[in-house]
Amino acid sequence: KLVLMTRETPFSPIHLENMLKLSRIGVAICPPVPAFYNQPASLDDVINHSVTRVLDLFDIETNLIKRWEGI
C-alpha cells in the first residue's frame, strides 16, 4: 500500500494530474491537513491526528488520539 502525504501548496495542475493518476491505481492521497473539529490543545495534537489518520490506512492501531464515539 502506498500513501502520498502531499504538503506543497497550492497544487499546480501538474500536481493534481499526477495525484489523479496515482489515485486511479490505488494510491491513497492524504494531505496532512489540520483538523480543528477535535479541538486540539497543542501542536502535538494536530500532528498526532494526521499521523493517526495515515496509520489507520495501514490498519495500525495507536492511542495517539481520542476516537470519536458518536452521539
Protein backbone atom coordinates (compact mmCIF):
# COMPACT_ATOMS: atom_id res chain seq x y z
CA LYS A 1 0.00 0.00 0.00
CA LEU A 2 1.23 3.48 -0.84
CA VAL A 3 0.12 6.68 0.87
CA LEU A 4 1.10 10.06 -0.52
CA MET A 5 1.12 12.87 2.05
CA THR A 6 1.33 15.85 -0.25
CA ARG A 7 2.19 19.06 1.53
CA GLU A 8 3.25 21.54 -1.15
CA THR A 9 0.52 24.04 -1.82
CA PRO A 10 -1.03 25.42 -3.80
CA PHE A 11 -1.27 22.36 -6.01
CA SER A 12 -0.44 23.05 -9.62
CA PRO A 13 -2.26 21.35 -12.50
CA ILE A 14 0.75 19.02 -12.80
CA HIS A 15 0.46 18.05 -9.11
CA LEU A 16 -3.26 17.42 -9.50
CA GLU A 17 -2.89 15.38 -12.69
CA ASN A 18 -0.20 13.22 -11.12
CA MET A 19 -2.25 12.71 -7.93
CA LEU A 20 -5.28 11.73 -10.03
CA LYS A 21 -3.21 9.18 -11.95
CA LEU A 22 -1.85 7.76 -8.69
CA SER A 23 -5.30 7.66 -7.09
CA ARG A 24 -6.66 5.72 -10.06
CA ILE A 25 -4.07 2.98 -9.48
CA GLY A 26 -4.87 2.70 -5.79
CA VAL A 27 -2.57 5.18 -4.07
CA ALA A 28 -4.17 6.92 -1.08
CA ILE A 29 -3.76 10.70 -1.27
CA CYS A 30 -3.74 12.02 2.29
CA PRO A 31 -2.55 15.62 2.68
CA PRO A 32 -1.65 16.47 6.28
CA VAL A 33 -4.48 18.99 6.65
CA PRO A 34 -5.00 20.09 10.25
CA ALA A 35 -8.34 19.14 11.76
CA PHE A 36 -9.88 21.50 14.27
CA TYR A 37 -13.21 19.74 14.88
CA ASN A 38 -11.43 17.65 17.52
CA GLN A 39 -10.39 20.85 19.35
CA PRO A 40 -6.63 20.26 19.53
CA ALA A 41 -4.96 21.79 22.58
CA SER A 42 -1.42 21.73 21.17
CA LEU A 43 0.63 21.32 18.04
CA ASP A 44 1.28 17.73 19.14
CA ASP A 45 -2.48 17.10 19.00
CA VAL A 46 -2.61 18.39 15.41
CA ILE A 47 0.38 16.27 14.36
CA ASN A 48 -0.90 13.16 16.14
CA HIS A 49 -4.24 13.47 14.35
CA SER A 50 -2.58 13.50 10.91
CA VAL A 51 -0.24 10.65 11.85
CA THR A 52 -3.09 8.55 13.21
CA ARG A 53 -5.16 9.05 10.06
CA VAL A 54 -2.28 7.77 7.93
CA LEU A 55 -1.58 4.84 10.25
CA ASP A 56 -5.28 3.96 10.04
CA LEU A 57 -4.80 3.44 6.29
CA PHE A 58 -2.30 0.70 7.17
CA ASP A 59 -4.58 -0.79 9.87
CA ILE A 60 -2.08 0.20 12.55
CA GLU A 61 -3.77 0.95 15.87
CA THR A 62 -2.42 3.68 18.13
CA ASN A 63 -3.62 5.53 21.19
CA LEU A 64 -2.39 8.91 19.95
CA ILE A 65 -5.85 10.45 19.70
CA LYS A 66 -9.22 10.10 21.38
CA ARG A 67 -11.59 8.38 18.97
CA TRP A 68 -14.98 9.84 18.21
CA GLU A 69 -17.59 7.51 19.64
CA GLY A 70 -20.72 9.00 18.12
CA ILE A 71 -23.72 10.57 19.73
